[in-house]
C-alpha atoms as a PDB file:
ATOM      1  CA  MET A   1      16.924 -12.605 -29.326  1.00  0.00           C
ATOM      2  CA  PRO A   2      14.672 -15.508 -30.332  1.00  0.00           C
ATOM      3  CA  SER A   3      16.232 -18.910 -30.623  1.00  0.00           C
ATOM      4  CA  PRO A   4      16.918 -20.301 -34.105  1.00  0.00           C
ATOM      5  CA  ALA A   5      14.158 -22.846 -33.619  1.00  0.00           C
ATOM      6  CA  THR A   6      11.540 -20.117 -33.483  1.00  0.00           C
ATOM      7  CA  GLN A   7      12.728 -18.384 -36.627  1.00  0.00           C
ATOM      8  CA  PRO A   8      11.309 -19.291 -40.036  1.00  0.00           C
ATOM      9  CA  THR A   9      13.689 -21.615 -41.760  1.00  0.00           C
ATOM     10  CA  SER A  10      14.779 -21.425 -45.366  1.00  0.00           C
ATOM     11  CA  SER A  11      16.510 -23.420 -47.967  1.00  0.00           C
ATOM     12  CA  ALA A  12      18.187 -22.780 -51.232  1.00  0.00           C
ATOM     13  CA  THR A  13      14.955 -23.622 -53.054  1.00  0.00           C
ATOM     14  CA  SER A  14      12.466 -22.165 -50.564  1.00  0.00           C
ATOM     15  CA  PRO A  15      13.273 -18.805 -48.966  1.00  0.00           C
ATOM     16  CA  SER A  16      11.550 -17.931 -45.707  1.00  0.00           C
ATOM     17  CA  LEU A  17       8.323 -15.954 -45.617  1.00  0.00           C
ATOM     18  CA  PRO A  18       9.977 -12.745 -44.289  1.00  0.00           C
ATOM     19  CA  ALA A  19      12.565 -12.942 -47.085  1.00  0.00           C
ATOM     20  CA  LEU A  20       9.905 -13.466 -49.734  1.00  0.00           C
ATOM     21  CA  ALA A  21       7.868 -10.593 -48.294  1.00  0.00           C
ATOM     22  CA  LYS A  22      10.877  -8.281 -48.243  1.00  0.00           C
ATOM     23  CA  ALA A  23      11.855  -9.169 -51.814  1.00  0.00           C
ATOM     24  CA  GLY A  24       8.241  -8.631 -52.877  1.00  0.00           C
ATOM     25  CA  SER A  25       8.169  -5.255 -51.174  1.00  0.00           C
ATOM     26  CA  GLU A  26      11.375  -4.274 -52.965  1.00  0.00           C
ATOM     27  CA  GLN A  27       9.836  -5.302 -56.280  1.00  0.00           C
ATOM     28  CA  ALA A  28       6.746  -3.212 -55.503  1.00  0.00           C
ATOM     29  CA  GLN A  29       9.011  -0.267 -54.700  1.00  0.00           C
ATOM     30  CA  ASN A  30      10.721  -0.635 -58.090  1.00  0.00           C
ATOM     31  CA  TYR A  31       7.359  -0.460 -59.847  1.00  0.00           C
ATOM     32  CA  PHE A  32       6.462   2.518 -57.661  1.00  0.00           C
ATOM     33  CA  ASN A  33       9.627   4.311 -58.778  1.00  0.00           C
ATOM     34  CA  TYR A  34       8.892   3.471 -62.429  1.00  0.00           C
ATOM     35  CA  HIS A  35       5.389   4.889 -62.245  1.00  0.00           C
ATOM     36  CA  ARG A  36       6.682   8.065 -60.601  1.00  0.00           C
ATOM     37  CA  LEU A  37       9.349   8.356 -63.291  1.00  0.00           C
ATOM     38  CA  ALA A  38       6.759   7.936 -66.047  1.00  0.00           C
ATOM     39  CA  HIS A  39       4.693  10.773 -64.545  1.00  0.00           C
ATOM     40  CA  LEU A  40       7.803  12.932 -64.345  1.00  0.00           C
ATOM     41  CA  ILE A  41       8.724  12.230 -67.981  1.00  0.00           C
ATOM     42  CA  ALA A  42       5.252  13.261 -69.121  1.00  0.00           C
ATOM     43  CA  LEU A  43       5.409  16.432 -67.028  1.00  0.00           C
ATOM     44  CA  VAL A  44       8.883  17.433 -68.237  1.00  0.00           C
ATOM     45  CA  LEU A  45       7.964  16.787 -71.870  1.00  0.00           C
ATOM     46  CA  SER A  46       4.859  18.941 -71.575  1.00  0.00           C
ATOM     47  CA  LEU A  47       6.922  21.775 -70.077  1.00  0.00           C
ATOM     48  CA  PHE A  48       9.514  21.390 -72.836  1.00  0.00           C
ATOM     49  CA  MET A  49       6.785  21.549 -75.493  1.00  0.00           C
ATOM     50  CA  LEU A  50       5.660  24.902 -74.147  1.00  0.00           C
ATOM     51  CA  LEU A  51       9.138  26.278 -74.902  1.00  0.00           C
ATOM     52  CA  LEU A  52       9.458  24.950 -78.452  1.00  0.00           C
ATOM     53  CA  LYS A  53       9.306  27.413 -81.280  1.00  0.00           C
ATOM     54  CA  HIS A  54       8.318  26.631 -84.900  1.00  0.00           C
ATOM     55  CA  TYR A  55       8.580  22.846 -84.453  1.00  0.00           C
ATOM     56  CA  ASP A  56       4.941  21.846 -84.675  1.00  0.00           C
ATOM     57  CA  LEU A  57       5.587  18.261 -85.832  1.00  0.00           C
ATOM     58  CA  LEU A  58       8.086  17.663 -83.017  1.00  0.00           C
ATOM     59  CA  VAL A  59       5.651  19.117 -80.507  1.00  0.00           C
ATOM     60  CA  TYR A  60       2.921  16.688 -81.513  1.00  0.00           C
ATOM     61  CA  PHE A  61       5.410  13.798 -81.460  1.00  0.00           C
ATOM     62  CA  LEU A  62       6.444  14.703 -77.926  1.00  0.00           C
ATOM     63  CA  ALA A  63       2.783  15.007 -76.971  1.00  0.00           C
ATOM     64  CA  VAL A  64       2.216  11.414 -78.064  1.00  0.00           C
ATOM     65  CA  ILE A  65       5.232  10.277 -76.009  1.00  0.00           C
ATOM     66  CA  ALA A  66       3.900  12.154 -72.983  1.00  0.00           C
ATOM     67  CA  ILE A  67       0.529  10.422 -73.283  1.00  0.00           C
ATOM     68  CA  LEU A  68       2.235   7.033 -73.662  1.00  0.00           C
ATOM     69  CA  ALA A  69       4.267   7.802 -70.539  1.00  0.00           C
ATOM     70  CA  GLU A  70       1.015   8.320 -68.627  1.00  0.00           C
ATOM     71  CA  ILE A  71      -0.275   4.974 -69.892  1.00  0.00           C
ATOM     72  CA  PHE A  72       2.920   3.301 -68.656  1.00  0.00           C
ATOM     73  CA  ALA A  73       2.519   5.126 -65.334  1.00  0.00           C
ATOM     74  CA  TRP A  74      -0.907   3.524 -64.921  1.00  0.00           C
ATOM     75  CA  TRP A  75       0.502   0.071 -65.775  1.00  0.00           C
ATOM     76  CA  PHE A  76       3.393   0.415 -63.338  1.00  0.00           C
ATOM     77  CA  ARG A  77       0.954   1.558 -60.647  1.00  0.00           C
ATOM     78  CA  TYR A  78      -1.123  -1.581 -61.205  1.00  0.00           C
ATOM     79  CA  LYS A  79       1.972  -3.814 -60.968  1.00  0.00           C
ATOM     80  CA  GLU A  80       3.149  -1.963 -57.871  1.00  0.00           C
ATOM     81  CA  GLU A  81      -0.151  -2.441 -56.041  1.00  0.00           C
ATOM     82  CA  HIS A  82      -0.298  -6.120 -57.029  1.00  0.00           C
ATOM     83  CA  SER A  83       3.240  -6.798 -55.751  1.00  0.00           C
ATOM     84  CA  HIS A  84       2.687  -4.738 -52.611  1.00  0.00           C
ATOM     85  CA  HIS A  85      -0.497  -6.562 -51.630  1.00  0.00           C
ATOM     86  CA  LEU A  86       1.167  -9.938 -52.142  1.00  0.00           C
ATOM     87  CA  SER A  87       4.217  -8.928 -50.106  1.00  0.00           C
ATOM     88  CA  ARG A  88       2.063  -7.663 -47.234  1.00  0.00           C
ATOM     89  CA  GLU A  89       0.100 -10.921 -47.252  1.00  0.00           C
ATOM     90  CA  LEU A  90       3.371 -12.841 -47.021  1.00  0.00           C
ATOM     91  CA  MET A  91       4.525 -10.668 -44.118  1.00  0.00           C
ATOM     92  CA  ARG A  92       1.265 -11.209 -42.221  1.00  0.00           C
ATOM     93  CA  ARG A  93       1.718 -14.952 -42.698  1.00  0.00           C
ATOM     94  CA  ALA A  94       5.309 -14.618 -41.494  1.00  0.00           C
ATOM     95  CA  ILE A  95       4.199 -12.882 -38.273  1.00  0.00           C
ATOM     96  CA  LEU A  96       1.710 -15.674 -37.596  1.00  0.00           C
ATOM     97  CA  GLU A  97       4.193 -18.416 -38.453  1.00  0.00           C
ATOM     98  CA  ASP A  98       6.875 -16.976 -36.196  1.00  0.00           C
ATOM     99  CA  ALA A  99       4.484 -16.815 -33.233  1.00  0.00           C
ATOM    100  CA  PHE A 100       2.381 -19.934 -33.722  1.00  0.00           C
ATOM    101  CA  GLY A 101       4.308 -22.152 -36.127  1.00  0.00           C
ATOM    102  CA  LYS A 102       3.021 -23.276 -39.514  1.00  0.00           C
ATOM    103  CA  THR A 103      -0.489 -21.946 -40.024  1.00  0.00           C
ATOM    104  CA  GLY A 104      -3.071 -22.173 -42.770  1.00  0.00           C
ATOM    105  CA  ASN A 105      -2.851 -23.932 -46.081  1.00  0.00           C
ATOM    106  CA  THR A 106       0.762 -24.625 -47.064  1.00  0.00           C
ATOM    107  CA  GLN A 107      -0.213 -24.762 -50.733  1.00  0.00           C
ATOM    108  CA  GLU A 108      -1.726 -21.307 -50.467  1.00  0.00           C
ATOM    109  CA  ILE A 109       1.509 -19.928 -49.030  1.00  0.00           C
ATOM    110  CA  VAL A 110       3.497 -21.600 -51.810  1.00  0.00           C
ATOM    111  CA  HIS A 111       1.136 -20.052 -54.338  1.00  0.00           C
ATOM    112  CA  LEU A 112       1.722 -16.594 -52.838  1.00  0.00           C
ATOM    113  CA  GLY A 113       5.482 -17.041 -53.197  1.00  0.00           C
ATOM    114  CA  GLN A 114       5.130 -18.322 -56.746  1.00  0.00           C
ATOM    115  CA  SER A 115       3.174 -15.209 -57.707  1.00  0.00           C
ATOM    116  CA  PHE A 116       6.568 -13.498 -57.814  1.00  0.00           C
ATOM    117  CA  ALA A 117       8.296 -16.490 -59.401  1.00  0.00           C
ATOM    118  CA  ASN A 118      11.303 -15.394 -61.414  1.00  0.00           C
ATOM    119  CA  PRO A 119      15.012 -16.150 -60.907  1.00  0.00           C
ATOM    120  CA  GLN A 120      15.944 -12.576 -59.924  1.00  0.00           C
ATOM    121  CA  PHE A 121      13.206 -12.395 -57.290  1.00  0.00           C
ATOM    122  CA  LEU A 122      14.087 -15.739 -55.703  1.00  0.00           C
ATOM    123  CA  GLN A 123      17.770 -14.819 -55.734  1.00  0.00           C
ATOM    124  CA  ARG A 124      16.992 -11.555 -53.940  1.00  0.00           C
ATOM    125  CA  ALA A 125      14.837 -13.390 -51.385  1.00  0.00           C
ATOM    126  CA  THR A 126      17.701 -15.807 -50.739  1.00  0.00           C
ATOM    127  CA  GLN A 127      20.014 -12.832 -50.151  1.00  0.00           C
ATOM    128  CA  PHE A 128      17.583 -11.405 -47.601  1.00  0.00           C
ATOM    129  CA  ASP A 129      17.467 -14.800 -45.888  1.00  0.00           C
ATOM    130  CA  GLN A 130      21.223 -14.774 -45.550  1.00  0.00           C
ATOM    131  CA  LEU A 131      21.134 -11.272 -44.080  1.00  0.00           C
ATOM    132  CA  TYR A 132      18.502 -12.336 -41.530  1.00  0.00           C
ATOM    133  CA  GLN A 133      20.445 -15.443 -40.549  1.00  0.00           C
ATOM    134  CA  ASP A 134      23.630 -13.416 -40.097  1.00  0.00           C
ATOM    135  CA  GLY A 135      21.729 -10.917 -37.951  1.00  0.00           C
ATOM    136  CA  GLY A 136      20.027 -13.500 -35.752  1.00  0.00           C
ATOM    137  CA  GLY A 137      16.699 -13.625 -37.580  1.00  0.00           C
ATOM    138  CA  TYR A 138      14.104 -11.223 -38.957  1.00  0.00           C
ATOM    139  CA  PHE A 139      11.986 -11.030 -35.807  1.00  0.00           C
ATOM    140  CA  THR A 140      13.570  -9.674 -32.637  1.00  0.00           C
ATOM    141  CA  SER A 141      11.043 -10.783 -30.017  1.00  0.00           C
ATOM    142  CA  ASP A 142      12.542 -12.715 -27.098  1.00  0.00           C
ATOM    143  CA  PHE A 143       9.191 -14.132 -25.978  1.00  0.00           C
ATOM    144  CA  SER A 144       8.348 -17.801 -26.339  1.00  0.00           C
ATOM    145  CA  PRO A 145       6.059 -18.823 -29.211  1.00  0.00           C
ATOM    146  CA  GLY A 146       2.462 -17.887 -28.541  1.00  0.00           C
ATOM    147  CA  THR A 147       0.150 -14.901 -28.263  1.00  0.00           C
ATOM    148  CA  THR A 148       2.624 -12.647 -26.449  1.00  0.00           C
ATOM    149  CA  ARG A 149       5.274 -13.208 -29.106  1.00  0.00           C
ATOM    150  CA  PHE A 150       2.670 -12.498 -31.798  1.00  0.00           C
ATOM    151  CA  LEU A 151       1.729  -9.181 -30.181  1.00  0.00           C
ATOM    152  CA  ASP A 152       5.371  -8.238 -29.655  1.00  0.00           C
ATOM    153  CA  ASN A 153       6.191  -8.794 -33.336  1.00  0.00           C
ATOM    154  CA  LEU A 154       3.043  -6.962 -34.387  1.00  0.00           C
ATOM    155  CA  GLN A 155       3.873  -3.975 -32.212  1.00  0.00           C
ATOM    156  CA  GLU A 156       7.422  -3.754 -33.519  1.00  0.00           C
ATOM    157  CA  SER A 157       6.194  -3.824 -37.116  1.00  0.00           C
ATOM    158  CA  ALA A 158       3.569  -1.146 -36.374  1.00  0.00           C
ATOM    159  CA  PHE A 159       6.197   0.969 -34.597  1.00  0.00           C
ATOM    160  CA  TRP A 160       8.556   0.865 -37.594  1.00  0.00           C
ATOM    161  CA  SER A 161       5.737   1.455 -40.066  1.00  0.00           C
ATOM    162  CA  SER A 162       4.313   4.495 -38.276  1.00  0.00           C
ATOM    163  CA  TYR A 163       7.737   6.132 -38.043  1.00  0.00           C
ATOM    164  CA  LEU A 164       8.761   5.502 -41.660  1.00  0.00           C
ATOM    165  CA  TYR A 165       5.356   6.348 -43.146  1.00  0.00           C
ATOM    166  CA  ARG A 166       5.407   9.715 -41.399  1.00  0.00           C
ATOM    167  CA  ILE A 167       8.896  10.574 -42.657  1.00  0.00           C
ATOM    168  CA  ILE A 168       8.108   9.626 -46.268  1.00  0.00           C
ATOM    169  CA  ALA A 169       4.787  11.496 -46.189  1.00  0.00           C
ATOM    170  CA  ARG A 170       6.532  14.676 -45.074  1.00  0.00           C
ATOM    171  CA  ARG A 171       9.153  14.309 -47.815  1.00  0.00           C
ATOM    172  CA  THR A 172       6.426  13.803 -50.396  1.00  0.00           C
ATOM    173  CA  PHE A 173       4.591  16.958 -49.336  1.00  0.00           C
ATOM    174  CA  TRP A 174       7.844  18.946 -49.460  1.00  0.00           C
ATOM    175  CA  MET A 175       8.573  17.563 -52.937  1.00  0.00           C
ATOM    176  CA  ILE A 176       5.086  18.545 -54.142  1.00  0.00           C
ATOM    177  CA  GLY A 177       5.607  22.074 -52.838  1.00  0.00           C
ATOM    178  CA  LEU A 178       8.986  22.346 -54.571  1.00  0.00           C
ATOM    179  CA  VAL A 179       7.610  21.124 -57.903  1.00  0.00           C
ATOM    180  CA  LEU A 180       4.630  23.463 -57.626  1.00  0.00           C
ATOM    181  CA  LEU A 181       6.967  26.407 -57.075  1.00  0.00           C
ATOM    182  CA  THR A 182       9.133  25.350 -60.029  1.00  0.00           C
ATOM    183  CA  VAL A 183       6.139  24.993 -62.343  1.00  0.00           C
ATOM    184  CA  ILE A 184       4.757  28.395 -61.302  1.00  0.00           C
ATOM    185  CA  VAL A 185       8.101  30.052 -62.094  1.00  0.00           C
ATOM    186  CA  ILE A 186       8.371  28.323 -65.478  1.00  0.00           C
ATOM    187  CA  VAL A 187       4.773  28.886 -66.557  1.00  0.00           C
ATOM    188  CA  PHE A 188       4.379  32.482 -65.398  1.00  0.00           C
ATOM    189  CA  ALA A 189       7.945  33.833 -65.710  1.00  0.00           C
ATOM    190  CA  ILE A 190       9.923  31.902 -68.333  1.00  0.00           C
ATOM    191  CA  ILE A 191       7.385  30.669 -70.880  1.00  0.00           C
ATOM    192  CA  PRO A 192       5.675  34.051 -71.547  1.00  0.00           C
ATOM    193  CA  VAL A 193       9.090  35.436 -72.499  1.00  0.00           C
ATOM    194  CA  ALA A 194      10.633  32.476 -74.328  1.00  0.00           C
ATOM    195  CA  ALA A 195       7.729  30.793 -76.104  1.00  0.00           C
ATOM    196  CA  THR A 196       5.911  31.981 -79.210  1.00  0.00           C
ATOM    197  CA  SER A 197       4.275  28.732 -80.300  1.00  0.00           C
ATOM    198  CA  ASN A 198       0.682  28.981 -81.424  1.00  0.00           C
ATOM    199  CA  ILE A 199      -0.243  25.371 -80.660  1.00  0.00           C
ATOM    200  CA  SER A 200      -3.071  25.988 -78.219  1.00  0.00           C
ATOM    201  CA  ILE A 201      -3.535  22.306 -77.315  1.00  0.00           C
ATOM    202  CA  ILE A 202      -0.142  22.060 -75.614  1.00  0.00           C
ATOM    203  CA  PRO A 203      -0.937  24.258 -72.584  1.00  0.00           C
ATOM    204  CA  LYS A 204      -4.120  22.236 -72.137  1.00  0.00           C
ATOM    205  CA  LEU A 205      -2.153  18.991 -72.348  1.00  0.00           C
ATOM    206  CA  PHE A 206       0.313  20.278 -69.804  1.00  0.00           C
ATOM    207  CA  SER A 207      -2.513  21.219 -67.452  1.00  0.00           C
ATOM    208  CA  VAL A 208      -4.034  17.747 -67.707  1.00  0.00           C
ATOM    209  CA  LEU A 209      -0.708  15.951 -67.176  1.00  0.00           C
ATOM    210  CA  PHE A 210       0.206  18.211 -64.276  1.00  0.00           C
ATOM    211  CA  ILE A 211      -3.145  17.562 -62.606  1.00  0.00           C
ATOM    212  CA  PHE A 212      -2.583  13.804 -63.052  1.00  0.00           C
ATOM    213  CA  TRP A 213       0.842  14.068 -61.419  1.00  0.00           C
ATOM    214  CA  LEU A 214      -0.352  16.340 -58.615  1.00  0.00           C
ATOM    215  CA  ALA A 215      -3.363  14.160 -57.800  1.00  0.00           C
ATOM    216  CA  ASP A 216      -1.220  11.019 -57.814  1.00  0.00           C
ATOM    217  CA  GLU A 217       1.449  12.460 -55.523  1.00  0.00           C
ATOM    218  CA  LEU A 218      -1.074  14.012 -53.142  1.00  0.00           C
ATOM    219  CA  THR A 219      -2.918  10.704 -52.926  1.00  0.00           C
ATOM    220  CA  THR A 220       0.361   8.932 -52.199  1.00  0.00           C
ATOM    221  CA  GLY A 221       1.393  11.409 -49.511  1.00  0.00           C
ATOM    222  CA  VAL A 222      -2.002  11.316 -47.808  1.00  0.00           C
ATOM    223  CA  ALA A 223      -2.016   7.492 -47.934  1.00  0.00           C
ATOM    224  CA  TRP A 224       1.345   7.396 -46.126  1.00  0.00           C
ATOM    225  CA  TRP A 225       0.178   9.938 -43.548  1.00  0.00           C
ATOM    226  CA  GLU A 226      -3.076   8.117 -42.824  1.00  0.00           C
ATOM    227  CA  ALA A 227      -1.228   4.785 -42.643  1.00  0.00           C
ATOM    228  CA  ALA A 228       1.155   6.340 -40.106  1.00  0.00           C
ATOM    229  CA  ASP A 229      -1.816   7.361 -37.935  1.00  0.00           C
ATOM    230  CA  SER A 230      -3.357   3.891 -38.229  1.00  0.00           C
ATOM    231  CA  ALA A 231      -0.066   2.152 -37.423  1.00  0.00           C
ATOM    232  CA  THR A 232       0.377   4.388 -34.368  1.00  0.00           C
ATOM    233  CA  GLN A 233      -3.075   3.394 -33.140  1.00  0.00           C
ATOM    234  CA  VAL A 234      -2.246  -0.284 -33.682  1.00  0.00           C
ATOM    235  CA  ASP A 235       0.991   0.209 -31.729  1.00  0.00           C
ATOM    236  CA  ARG A 236      -0.906   1.664 -28.761  1.00  0.00           C
ATOM    237  CA  ARG A 237      -3.646  -0.964 -28.841  1.00  0.00           C
ATOM    238  CA  VAL A 238      -1.128  -3.795 -28.949  1.00  0.00           C
ATOM    239  CA  GLY A 239       0.633  -2.232 -25.966  1.00  0.00           C
ATOM    240  CA  ASP A 240      -2.647  -2.321 -24.034  1.00  0.00           C
ATOM    241  CA  LEU A 241      -3.212  -5.949 -25.036  1.00  0.00           C
ATOM    242  CA  LEU A 242       0.274  -6.892 -23.840  1.00  0.00           C
ATOM    243  CA  LYS A 243      -0.515  -5.388 -20.443  1.00  0.00           C
ATOM    244  CA  SER A 244      -3.783  -7.305 -20.152  1.00  0.00           C
ATOM    245  CA  GLN A 245      -2.026 -10.719 -20.194  1.00  0.00           C
ATOM    246  CA  ASN A 246      -5.126 -12.632 -21.402  1.00  0.00           C
ATOM    247  CA  ALA A 247      -6.351 -10.683 -24.414  1.00  0.00           C
ATOM    248  CA  PRO A 248      -9.719 -11.784 -25.880  1.00  0.00           C
ATOM    249  CA  LEU A 249      -9.520 -13.480 -29.276  1.00  0.00           C
ATOM    250  CA  GLU A 250     -11.792 -10.889 -30.887  1.00  0.00           C
ATOM    251  CA  GLU A 251      -9.414  -8.107 -29.787  1.00  0.00           C
ATOM    252  CA  LEU A 252      -6.443  -9.967 -31.279  1.00  0.00           C
ATOM    253  CA  LEU A 253      -8.259 -10.446 -34.570  1.00  0.00           C
ATOM    254  CA  ALA A 254      -9.415  -6.825 -34.648  1.00  0.00           C
ATOM    255  CA  VAL A 255      -5.974  -5.335 -34.085  1.00  0.00           C
ATOM    256  CA  PHE A 256      -4.380  -7.725 -36.582  1.00  0.00           C
ATOM    257  CA  GLY A 257      -7.017  -6.750 -39.144  1.00  0.00           C
ATOM    258  CA  ASP A 258      -6.377  -3.041 -38.566  1.00  0.00           C
ATOM    259  CA  TYR A 259      -2.641  -3.638 -38.948  1.00  0.00           C
ATOM    260  CA  ALA A 260      -3.277  -5.453 -42.232  1.00  0.00           C
ATOM    261  CA  VAL A 261      -5.399  -2.573 -43.560  1.00  0.00           C
ATOM    262  CA  ALA A 262      -2.881   0.099 -42.525  1.00  0.00           C
ATOM    263  CA  THR A 263       0.130  -1.572 -44.119  1.00  0.00           C
ATOM    264  CA  ALA A 264      -1.695  -2.697 -47.264  1.00  0.00           C
ATOM    265  CA  ALA A 265      -3.236   0.717 -47.979  1.00  0.00           C
ATOM    266  CA  ALA A 266       0.086   2.600 -47.845  1.00  0.00           C
ATOM    267  CA  PRO A 267       2.493   2.583 -50.810  1.00  0.00           C
ATOM    268  CA  PRO A 268       5.652   0.483 -50.371  1.00  0.00           C
ATOM    269  CA  ILE A 269       8.608   1.855 -48.406  1.00  0.00           C
ATOM    270  CA  ALA A 270      11.931   2.055 -50.228  1.00  0.00           C
ATOM    271  CA  THR A 271      14.674  -0.229 -48.891  1.00  0.00           C
ATOM    272  CA  ARG A 272      17.011   2.750 -48.564  1.00  0.00           C
ATOM    273  CA  PHE A 273      14.735   4.245 -45.880  1.00  0.00           C
ATOM    274  CA  TYR A 274      14.931   1.042 -43.855  1.00  0.00           C
ATOM    275  CA  LYS A 275      18.713   1.170 -44.111  1.00  0.00           C
ATOM    276  CA  GLN A 276      18.896   4.887 -43.355  1.00  0.00           C
ATOM    277  CA  TYR A 277      16.809   4.710 -40.175  1.00  0.00           C
ATOM    278  CA  ARG A 278      17.530   1.124 -39.071  1.00  0.00           C
ATOM    279  CA  LYS A 279      20.027   1.996 -36.365  1.00  0.00           C
ATOM    280  CA  GLN A 280      17.911   4.812 -34.952  1.00  0.00           C
ATOM    281  CA  LEU A 281      14.717   2.750 -34.928  1.00  0.00           C
ATOM    282  CA  ASN A 282      16.440  -0.288 -33.437  1.00  0.00           C
ATOM    283  CA  GLU A 283      17.721   1.894 -30.585  1.00  0.00           C
ATOM    284  CA  LEU A 284      14.274   3.427 -30.040  1.00  0.00           C
ATOM    285  CA  TRP A 285      12.673  -0.015 -30.063  1.00  0.00           C
ATOM    286  CA  GLU A 286      15.177  -1.396 -27.539  1.00  0.00           C
ATOM    287  CA  GLN A 287      14.413   1.582 -25.290  1.00  0.00           C
ATOM    288  CA  ARG A 288      10.703   0.839 -25.665  1.00  0.00           C
ATOM    289  CA  LYS A 289      11.225  -2.819 -24.727  1.00  0.00           C
ATOM    290  CA  ALA A 290      13.384  -1.885 -21.727  1.00  0.00           C
ATOM    291  CA  GLY A 291      10.727   0.546 -20.488  1.00  0.00           C
ATOM    292  CA  ARG A 292       8.042  -2.084 -20.955  1.00  0.00           C
ATOM    293  CA  LYS A 293      10.001  -4.578 -18.856  1.00  0.00           C
ATOM    294  CA  ILE A 294      10.428  -2.031 -16.066  1.00  0.00           C
ATOM    295  CA  ILE A 295       6.682  -1.359 -16.015  1.00  0.00           C
ATOM    296  CA  GLN A 296       5.908  -5.093 -15.977  1.00  0.00           C
ATOM    297  CA  SER A 297       8.337  -5.672 -13.107  1.00  0.00           C
ATOM    298  CA  HIS A 298       6.534  -3.093 -10.967  1.00  0.00           C
ATOM    299  CA  SER A 299       3.046  -4.304 -11.828  1.00  0.00           C
END
């Protein structure tokens, strides 16, 4: 484990960069859940409207609510992407700070943290700091500060990201398939029997809202899958750079840039997934590190 001196420090008024990044990621995940919920509300309302009978005024009222839900979904998506990009920027700064010490413009880093400024966010960041301190620090590299420590931290982050992105992408695709099957049953089996409404605009509205939901979820699933592939490539490239001892600066910048793109392009990962797979991934990572040491000892 790294010594306390190499870990980002924190105070009651200034949480560490990893803590701020983690709290920002959690906030982005909340917005992500809200925007998914808004899509779901619109979809459920449109299905419910297809089943209504002789309640034309109520149907139109629900149609307005469904459209408003889609507007909120767009707003939550915007807030999610904003929070996610800020949190990933903070995490990239944290990786650099842990390996090389304070880097860049301190005022710029403060500004990034203040972009989230609210009491609940800072309180959550402070809680993450306490968890990291109790666990020995956020970063697990046992290398001394410098390029090797930077690459080690980068590889661990890419390793975790590729694994989690792949799992969440698969779950998203399964969820899309389940919803598609449910909608097919409702539209082609239940509605023709139960519904007698003559409001022709409602099926069209449902089709539009369903396409919005389907396109959004497919885009999300594909983004996670592609990010998993990119993170896997970063993991392998960093491994090659660690073997080379004296990696060229342009290679370091290139792989760090690819890591930044991969993690920024993917939607945020829910905290519960980190908790669910933490033990398994920690064990896999320790096995990876042990194997790397054996290879280095024989080289």
